[in-house]
Amino acid sequence: MRRASNDPDERFSERYAASGAAALLQAEGEVLGSDYQANGYTTLAQAEEIGVALGLQPGRRLLDLGSGCGYPGLYLADRFGCEVVTVDPVASGAITAASRAERDGLAARHLAVLAAGAALPLRDDSFDAVVHVDVMC
């Protein structure tokens, strides 16, 4: 029996890589309505509700903690025009989020940060809103 690692990079790197497989992206699209390599259960409709509730709009800055591959932060930035900083402790998640932001034309409004939520290398009062969905680690 393989023992689970305490290192988030080891635990999640394989999961993040696998989430980009065509079959998993198709399932994500059918179940959640998105294609962000999401590893959680937040639907596109729920993400939309979050954006409305947070009052996201151009000129506002969103912090997405435990964003993995960038969902829902990148979707919210695209949909509502806000800036977003995605934070994940796993390098492959941050890299995937940055690649998706580039692909979606959001690179100028996105920053991927490799960090744990308990030790953020960010200034206090830098954000207008914070979201963390499906964070389990």
N, C-alpha and C. Protein backbone atom coordinates (compact mmCIF):
# COMPACT_ATOMS: atom_id res chain seq x y z
N MET A 1 0.84 -1.17 0.00
CA MET A 1 0.00 0.00 0.00
C MET A 1 0.89 1.24 0.00
N ARG A 2 0.59 2.16 -0.89
CA ARG A 2 1.35 3.42 -0.97
C ARG A 2 0.81 4.41 0.05
N ARG A 3 1.70 4.97 0.82
CA ARG A 3 1.31 5.92 1.85
C ARG A 3 1.19 7.32 1.24
N ALA A 4 0.14 8.02 1.60
CA ALA A 4 -0.08 9.38 1.09
C ALA A 4 0.99 10.32 1.61
N SER A 5 1.47 11.16 0.74
CA SER A 5 2.51 12.12 1.10
C SER A 5 1.89 13.33 1.78
N ASN A 6 2.66 13.98 2.64
CA ASN A 6 2.24 15.24 3.26
C ASN A 6 2.62 16.44 2.40
N ASP A 7 3.40 16.20 1.35
CA ASP A 7 3.85 17.26 0.46
C ASP A 7 2.76 17.53 -0.58
N PRO A 8 2.17 18.75 -0.57
CA PRO A 8 1.10 19.04 -1.52
C PRO A 8 1.53 18.89 -2.97
N ASP A 9 2.79 19.20 -3.27
CA ASP A 9 3.28 19.05 -4.65
C ASP A 9 3.15 17.59 -5.09
N GLU A 10 3.57 16.68 -4.24
CA GLU A 10 3.48 15.27 -4.57
C GLU A 10 2.04 14.80 -4.66
N ARG A 11 1.19 15.24 -3.73
CA ARG A 11 -0.20 14.79 -3.70
C ARG A 11 -1.02 15.30 -4.87
N PHE A 12 -0.77 16.54 -5.29
CA PHE A 12 -1.66 17.15 -6.26
C PHE A 12 -1.09 17.27 -7.67
N SER A 13 0.20 17.17 -7.86
CA SER A 13 0.78 17.33 -9.20
C SER A 13 0.19 16.33 -10.19
N GLU A 14 0.11 15.08 -9.80
CA GLU A 14 -0.47 14.07 -10.69
C GLU A 14 -1.94 14.36 -10.96
N ARG A 15 -2.67 14.77 -9.94
CA ARG A 15 -4.09 15.06 -10.10
C ARG A 15 -4.29 16.24 -11.06
N TYR A 16 -3.49 17.29 -10.90
CA TYR A 16 -3.62 18.45 -11.78
C TYR A 16 -3.27 18.08 -13.22
N ALA A 17 -2.24 17.27 -13.40
CA ALA A 17 -1.85 16.86 -14.75
C ALA A 17 -2.96 16.02 -15.39
N ALA A 18 -3.51 15.08 -14.63
CA ALA A 18 -4.56 14.20 -15.17
C ALA A 18 -5.83 14.98 -15.49
N SER A 19 -6.09 16.07 -14.78
CA SER A 19 -7.33 16.81 -14.99
C SER A 19 -7.39 17.48 -16.36
N GLY A 20 -6.28 17.51 -17.08
CA GLY A 20 -6.26 18.08 -18.42
C GLY A 20 -6.58 17.07 -19.51
N ALA A 21 -6.81 15.81 -19.13
CA ALA A 21 -7.14 14.78 -20.11
C ALA A 21 -8.49 15.09 -20.76
N ALA A 22 -8.60 14.79 -22.03
CA ALA A 22 -9.82 15.11 -22.79
C ALA A 22 -11.08 14.56 -22.14
N ALA A 23 -11.04 13.33 -21.68
CA ALA A 23 -12.23 12.72 -21.08
C ALA A 23 -12.63 13.44 -19.80
N LEU A 24 -11.65 13.82 -19.00
CA LEU A 24 -11.96 14.53 -17.75
C LEU A 24 -12.47 15.94 -18.01
N LEU A 25 -11.90 16.62 -19.00
CA LEU A 25 -12.41 17.94 -19.37
C LEU A 25 -13.84 17.85 -19.90
N GLN A 26 -14.14 16.81 -20.65
CA GLN A 26 -15.50 16.61 -21.14
C GLN A 26 -16.46 16.38 -19.97
N ALA A 27 -16.05 15.54 -19.03
CA ALA A 27 -16.90 15.29 -17.86
C ALA A 27 -17.09 16.56 -17.05
N GLU A 28 -16.02 17.32 -16.87
CA GLU A 28 -16.12 18.59 -16.14
C GLU A 28 -17.12 19.52 -16.83
N GLY A 29 -17.06 19.59 -18.15
CA GLY A 29 -17.98 20.43 -18.90
C GLY A 29 -19.42 20.00 -18.72
N GLU A 30 -19.64 18.71 -18.73
CA GLU A 30 -21.01 18.20 -18.58
C GLU A 30 -21.54 18.35 -17.17
N VAL A 31 -20.69 18.18 -16.17
CA VAL A 31 -21.14 18.23 -14.78
C VAL A 31 -21.10 19.64 -14.21
N LEU A 32 -19.99 20.35 -14.42
CA LEU A 32 -19.82 21.67 -13.81
C LEU A 32 -20.10 22.82 -14.77
N GLY A 33 -20.01 22.54 -16.06
CA GLY A 33 -20.22 23.60 -17.05
C GLY A 33 -18.95 24.37 -17.36
N SER A 34 -17.81 23.89 -16.92
CA SER A 34 -16.55 24.61 -17.12
C SER A 34 -15.51 23.68 -17.73
N ASP A 35 -14.35 24.24 -18.07
CA ASP A 35 -13.24 23.44 -18.61
C ASP A 35 -11.90 23.97 -18.09
N TYR A 36 -11.83 24.20 -16.80
CA TYR A 36 -10.64 24.78 -16.16
C TYR A 36 -9.78 23.75 -15.44
N GLN A 37 -9.96 22.47 -15.73
CA GLN A 37 -9.26 21.42 -15.02
C GLN A 37 -9.57 21.47 -13.53
N ALA A 38 -10.82 21.77 -13.21
CA ALA A 38 -11.25 21.90 -11.82
C ALA A 38 -11.17 20.56 -11.10
N ASN A 39 -10.77 20.60 -9.87
CA ASN A 39 -10.71 19.41 -9.04
C ASN A 39 -11.75 19.46 -7.93
N GLY A 40 -12.72 20.34 -8.05
CA GLY A 40 -13.73 20.49 -7.02
C GLY A 40 -15.11 20.29 -7.58
N TYR A 41 -16.07 20.90 -6.91
CA TYR A 41 -17.47 20.66 -7.23
C TYR A 41 -18.25 21.94 -7.50
N THR A 42 -17.60 23.06 -7.61
CA THR A 42 -18.27 24.34 -7.82
C THR A 42 -18.70 24.44 -9.29
N THR A 43 -19.99 24.58 -9.50
CA THR A 43 -20.50 24.68 -10.87
C THR A 43 -20.29 26.09 -11.40
N LEU A 44 -20.41 26.22 -12.71
CA LEU A 44 -20.30 27.53 -13.34
C LEU A 44 -21.39 28.46 -12.80
N ALA A 45 -22.59 27.93 -12.61
CA ALA A 45 -23.69 28.74 -12.06
C ALA A 45 -23.35 29.23 -10.66
N GLN A 46 -22.75 28.38 -9.84
CA GLN A 46 -22.36 28.79 -8.50
C GLN A 46 -21.25 29.83 -8.54
N ALA A 47 -20.29 29.65 -9.44
CA ALA A 47 -19.22 30.64 -9.59
C ALA A 47 -19.81 31.99 -9.98
N GLU A 48 -20.77 31.96 -10.87
CA GLU A 48 -21.46 33.19 -11.29
C GLU A 48 -22.10 33.88 -10.07
N GLU A 49 -22.78 33.11 -9.24
CA GLU A 49 -23.39 33.65 -8.02
C GLU A 49 -22.35 34.26 -7.10
N ILE A 50 -21.20 33.63 -6.99
CA ILE A 50 -20.11 34.15 -6.15
C ILE A 50 -19.66 35.51 -6.69
N GLY A 51 -19.46 35.61 -7.99
CA GLY A 51 -19.02 36.87 -8.59
C GLY A 51 -20.00 38.00 -8.34
N VAL A 52 -21.28 37.70 -8.47
CA VAL A 52 -22.32 38.71 -8.22
C VAL A 52 -22.32 39.11 -6.74
N ALA A 53 -22.27 38.10 -5.86
CA ALA A 53 -22.30 38.38 -4.42
C ALA A 53 -21.10 39.21 -3.97
N LEU A 54 -19.95 39.00 -4.61
CA LEU A 54 -18.74 39.75 -4.24
C LEU A 54 -18.67 41.11 -4.92
N GLY A 55 -19.59 41.38 -5.81
CA GLY A 55 -19.60 42.66 -6.50
C GLY A 55 -18.40 42.85 -7.41
N LEU A 56 -17.95 41.78 -8.03
CA LEU A 56 -16.77 41.88 -8.89
C LEU A 56 -17.07 42.70 -10.13
N GLN A 57 -16.08 43.48 -10.53
CA GLN A 57 -16.19 44.34 -11.71
C GLN A 57 -14.80 44.85 -12.07
N PRO A 58 -14.65 45.48 -13.23
CA PRO A 58 -13.35 46.03 -13.59
C PRO A 58 -12.83 46.99 -12.50
N GLY A 59 -11.55 46.91 -12.24
CA GLY A 59 -10.94 47.76 -11.23
C GLY A 59 -10.88 47.14 -9.85
N ARG A 60 -11.58 46.03 -9.66
CA ARG A 60 -11.52 45.33 -8.36
C ARG A 60 -10.51 44.19 -8.46
N ARG A 61 -9.94 43.83 -7.31
CA ARG A 61 -8.92 42.78 -7.28
C ARG A 61 -9.41 41.63 -6.41
N LEU A 62 -9.38 40.43 -7.00
CA LEU A 62 -9.85 39.21 -6.36
C LEU A 62 -8.67 38.32 -5.99
N LEU A 63 -8.71 37.73 -4.81
CA LEU A 63 -7.73 36.74 -4.37
C LEU A 63 -8.43 35.39 -4.36
N ASP A 64 -7.90 34.42 -5.10
CA ASP A 64 -8.45 33.07 -5.15
C ASP A 64 -7.47 32.14 -4.46
N LEU A 65 -7.80 31.74 -3.23
CA LEU A 65 -6.94 30.88 -2.42
C LEU A 65 -7.18 29.42 -2.75
N GLY A 66 -6.12 28.66 -2.87
CA GLY A 66 -6.23 27.25 -3.18
C GLY A 66 -6.85 27.03 -4.54
N SER A 67 -6.41 27.84 -5.49
CA SER A 67 -7.05 27.88 -6.81
C SER A 67 -6.73 26.69 -7.70
N GLY A 68 -5.74 25.90 -7.33
CA GLY A 68 -5.38 24.79 -8.20
C GLY A 68 -5.01 25.30 -9.58
N CYS A 69 -5.71 24.84 -10.59
CA CYS A 69 -5.44 25.22 -11.98
C CYS A 69 -6.09 26.54 -12.36
N GLY A 70 -6.66 27.24 -11.39
CA GLY A 70 -7.16 28.59 -11.64
C GLY A 70 -8.66 28.80 -11.58
N TYR A 71 -9.40 27.78 -11.19
CA TYR A 71 -10.85 27.91 -11.15
C TYR A 71 -11.31 28.06 -9.71
N PRO A 72 -12.19 28.99 -9.41
CA PRO A 72 -12.99 29.83 -10.30
C PRO A 72 -12.40 31.21 -10.57
N GLY A 73 -11.25 31.52 -10.00
CA GLY A 73 -10.70 32.87 -10.13
C GLY A 73 -10.56 33.35 -11.56
N LEU A 74 -10.01 32.52 -12.43
CA LEU A 74 -9.84 32.94 -13.82
C LEU A 74 -11.18 33.13 -14.52
N TYR A 75 -12.12 32.26 -14.24
CA TYR A 75 -13.46 32.44 -14.82
C TYR A 75 -14.04 33.77 -14.35
N LEU A 76 -13.93 34.06 -13.06
CA LEU A 76 -14.50 35.30 -12.52
C LEU A 76 -13.83 36.53 -13.12
N ALA A 77 -12.51 36.47 -13.30
CA ALA A 77 -11.81 37.60 -13.93
C ALA A 77 -12.28 37.80 -15.35
N ASP A 78 -12.45 36.70 -16.08
CA ASP A 78 -12.92 36.79 -17.46
C ASP A 78 -14.35 37.31 -17.52
N ARG A 79 -15.20 36.78 -16.68
CA ARG A 79 -16.63 37.11 -16.72
C ARG A 79 -16.93 38.52 -16.21
N PHE A 80 -16.24 38.95 -15.14
CA PHE A 80 -16.57 40.22 -14.49
C PHE A 80 -15.56 41.33 -14.74
N GLY A 81 -14.44 41.01 -15.38
CA GLY A 81 -13.46 42.03 -15.74
C GLY A 81 -12.53 42.46 -14.62
N CYS A 82 -12.54 41.75 -13.50
CA CYS A 82 -11.67 42.11 -12.38
C CYS A 82 -10.26 41.56 -12.59
N GLU A 83 -9.33 41.99 -11.75
CA GLU A 83 -8.00 41.40 -11.68
C GLU A 83 -8.07 40.23 -10.73
N VAL A 84 -7.18 39.25 -10.89
CA VAL A 84 -7.19 38.10 -10.00
C VAL A 84 -5.77 37.64 -9.71
N VAL A 85 -5.56 37.28 -8.45
CA VAL A 85 -4.34 36.62 -8.02
C VAL A 85 -4.76 35.23 -7.58
N THR A 86 -4.24 34.21 -8.27
CA THR A 86 -4.52 32.83 -7.88
C THR A 86 -3.36 32.33 -7.03
N VAL A 87 -3.69 31.66 -5.93
CA VAL A 87 -2.68 31.16 -5.00
C VAL A 87 -2.88 29.67 -4.82
N ASP A 88 -1.82 28.92 -4.99
CA ASP A 88 -1.86 27.49 -4.75
C ASP A 88 -0.47 27.05 -4.27
N PRO A 89 -0.40 26.06 -3.37
CA PRO A 89 0.91 25.60 -2.90
C PRO A 89 1.59 24.61 -3.83
N VAL A 90 0.94 24.29 -4.95
CA VAL A 90 1.46 23.29 -5.88
C VAL A 90 1.92 23.98 -7.16
N ALA A 91 3.18 23.81 -7.50
CA ALA A 91 3.75 24.49 -8.66
C ALA A 91 2.99 24.18 -9.94
N SER A 92 2.62 22.93 -10.15
CA SER A 92 1.93 22.58 -11.39
C SER A 92 0.57 23.27 -11.49
N GLY A 93 -0.09 23.51 -10.36
CA GLY A 93 -1.35 24.25 -10.37
C GLY A 93 -1.14 25.70 -10.77
N ALA A 94 -0.15 26.34 -10.18
CA ALA A 94 0.15 27.74 -10.50
C ALA A 94 0.58 27.90 -11.96
N ILE A 95 1.36 26.95 -12.45
CA ILE A 95 1.81 27.00 -13.85
C ILE A 95 0.63 26.82 -14.79
N THR A 96 -0.25 25.88 -14.47
CA THR A 96 -1.43 25.65 -15.31
C THR A 96 -2.34 26.88 -15.30
N ALA A 97 -2.51 27.51 -14.14
CA ALA A 97 -3.34 28.72 -14.06
C ALA A 97 -2.74 29.84 -14.91
N ALA A 98 -1.43 30.02 -14.84
CA ALA A 98 -0.78 31.07 -15.63
C ALA A 98 -0.92 30.80 -17.12
N SER A 99 -0.80 29.54 -17.52
CA SER A 99 -0.96 29.17 -18.93
C SER A 99 -2.38 29.43 -19.40
N ARG A 100 -3.35 29.09 -18.56
CA ARG A 100 -4.75 29.32 -18.92
C ARG A 100 -5.03 30.82 -19.04
N ALA A 101 -4.50 31.61 -18.11
CA ALA A 101 -4.69 33.07 -18.17
C ALA A 101 -4.12 33.63 -19.47
N GLU A 102 -2.97 33.15 -19.86
CA GLU A 102 -2.36 33.58 -21.12
C GLU A 102 -3.25 33.20 -22.30
N ARG A 103 -3.70 31.97 -22.31
CA ARG A 103 -4.55 31.47 -23.40
C ARG A 103 -5.85 32.26 -23.52
N ASP A 104 -6.41 32.67 -22.37
CA ASP A 104 -7.69 33.38 -22.36
C ASP A 104 -7.54 34.90 -22.48
N GLY A 105 -6.29 35.38 -22.65
CA GLY A 105 -6.07 36.82 -22.78
C GLY A 105 -6.20 37.57 -21.47
N LEU A 106 -5.95 36.88 -20.36
CA LEU A 106 -6.08 37.48 -19.03
C LEU A 106 -4.74 37.76 -18.36
N ALA A 107 -3.65 37.52 -19.05
CA ALA A 107 -2.33 37.62 -18.42
C ALA A 107 -2.08 38.99 -17.79
N ALA A 108 -2.59 40.04 -18.38
CA ALA A 108 -2.38 41.39 -17.84
C ALA A 108 -3.16 41.63 -16.55
N ARG A 109 -4.17 40.79 -16.29
CA ARG A 109 -5.00 40.96 -15.09
C ARG A 109 -4.86 39.78 -14.15
N HIS A 110 -3.82 38.95 -14.33
CA HIS A 110 -3.66 37.75 -13.52
C HIS A 110 -2.24 37.62 -13.01
N LEU A 111 -2.12 37.15 -11.78
CA LEU A 111 -0.84 36.79 -11.20
C LEU A 111 -1.02 35.46 -10.49
N ALA A 112 -0.21 34.46 -10.85
CA ALA A 112 -0.21 33.17 -10.17
C ALA A 112 0.87 33.20 -9.10
N VAL A 113 0.49 32.88 -7.88
CA VAL A 113 1.42 32.89 -6.75
C VAL A 113 1.52 31.48 -6.18
N LEU A 114 2.74 31.02 -6.00
CA LEU A 114 3.00 29.72 -5.39
C LEU A 114 3.17 29.96 -3.89
N ALA A 115 2.15 29.60 -3.12
CA ALA A 115 2.19 29.84 -1.67
C ALA A 115 1.07 29.07 -1.00
N ALA A 116 1.21 28.91 0.30
CA ALA A 116 0.14 28.33 1.12
C ALA A 116 -0.71 29.47 1.67
N GLY A 117 -1.98 29.21 1.84
CA GLY A 117 -2.90 30.23 2.34
C GLY A 117 -2.53 30.77 3.71
N ALA A 118 -1.86 29.96 4.51
CA ALA A 118 -1.49 30.40 5.86
C ALA A 118 -0.28 31.32 5.87
N ALA A 119 0.44 31.40 4.76
CA ALA A 119 1.66 32.22 4.71
C ALA A 119 1.72 32.95 3.38
N LEU A 120 0.82 33.89 3.19
CA LEU A 120 0.76 34.60 1.92
C LEU A 120 1.83 35.68 1.82
N PRO A 121 2.56 35.71 0.71
CA PRO A 121 3.58 36.75 0.53
C PRO A 121 2.97 38.00 -0.13
N LEU A 122 1.84 38.44 0.40
CA LEU A 122 1.09 39.55 -0.19
C LEU A 122 0.79 40.60 0.88
N ARG A 123 0.72 41.87 0.46
CA ARG A 123 0.41 42.94 1.41
C ARG A 123 -1.02 42.83 1.92
N ASP A 124 -1.22 43.18 3.18
CA ASP A 124 -2.57 43.28 3.72
C ASP A 124 -3.34 44.33 2.95
N ASP A 125 -4.64 44.20 2.90
CA ASP A 125 -5.54 45.17 2.25
C ASP A 125 -5.24 45.35 0.76
N SER A 126 -4.74 44.30 0.10
CA SER A 126 -4.43 44.38 -1.33
C SER A 126 -5.60 43.94 -2.20
N PHE A 127 -6.66 43.40 -1.58
CA PHE A 127 -7.73 42.79 -2.35
C PHE A 127 -9.10 43.33 -1.93
N ASP A 128 -9.99 43.34 -2.90
CA ASP A 128 -11.37 43.75 -2.64
C ASP A 128 -12.24 42.57 -2.26
N ALA A 129 -11.84 41.37 -2.66
CA ALA A 129 -12.63 40.19 -2.39
C ALA A 129 -11.71 38.95 -2.35
N VAL A 130 -12.15 37.95 -1.62
CA VAL A 130 -11.41 36.70 -1.50
C VAL A 130 -12.39 35.55 -1.73
N VAL A 131 -11.93 34.57 -2.47
CA VAL A 131 -12.72 33.37 -2.69
C VAL A 131 -11.83 32.16 -2.46
N HIS A 132 -12.41 31.13 -1.89
CA HIS A 132 -11.73 29.82 -1.81
C HIS A 132 -12.84 28.78 -1.86
N VAL A 133 -12.79 27.99 -2.89
CA VAL A 133 -13.83 26.97 -3.05
C VAL A 133 -13.18 25.61 -3.15
N ASP A 134 -13.81 24.64 -2.54
CA ASP A 134 -13.35 23.25 -2.64
C ASP A 134 -11.92 23.05 -2.15
N VAL A 135 -11.47 23.87 -1.22
CA VAL A 135 -10.11 23.74 -0.69
C VAL A 135 -10.11 22.66 0.38
N MET A 136 -9.32 21.63 0.15
CA MET A 136 -9.31 20.50 1.06
C MET A 136 -7.96 20.26 1.71
N CYS A 137 -6.93 21.00 1.30
CA CYS A 137 -5.60 20.69 1.84
C CYS A 137 -5.11 21.81 2.73
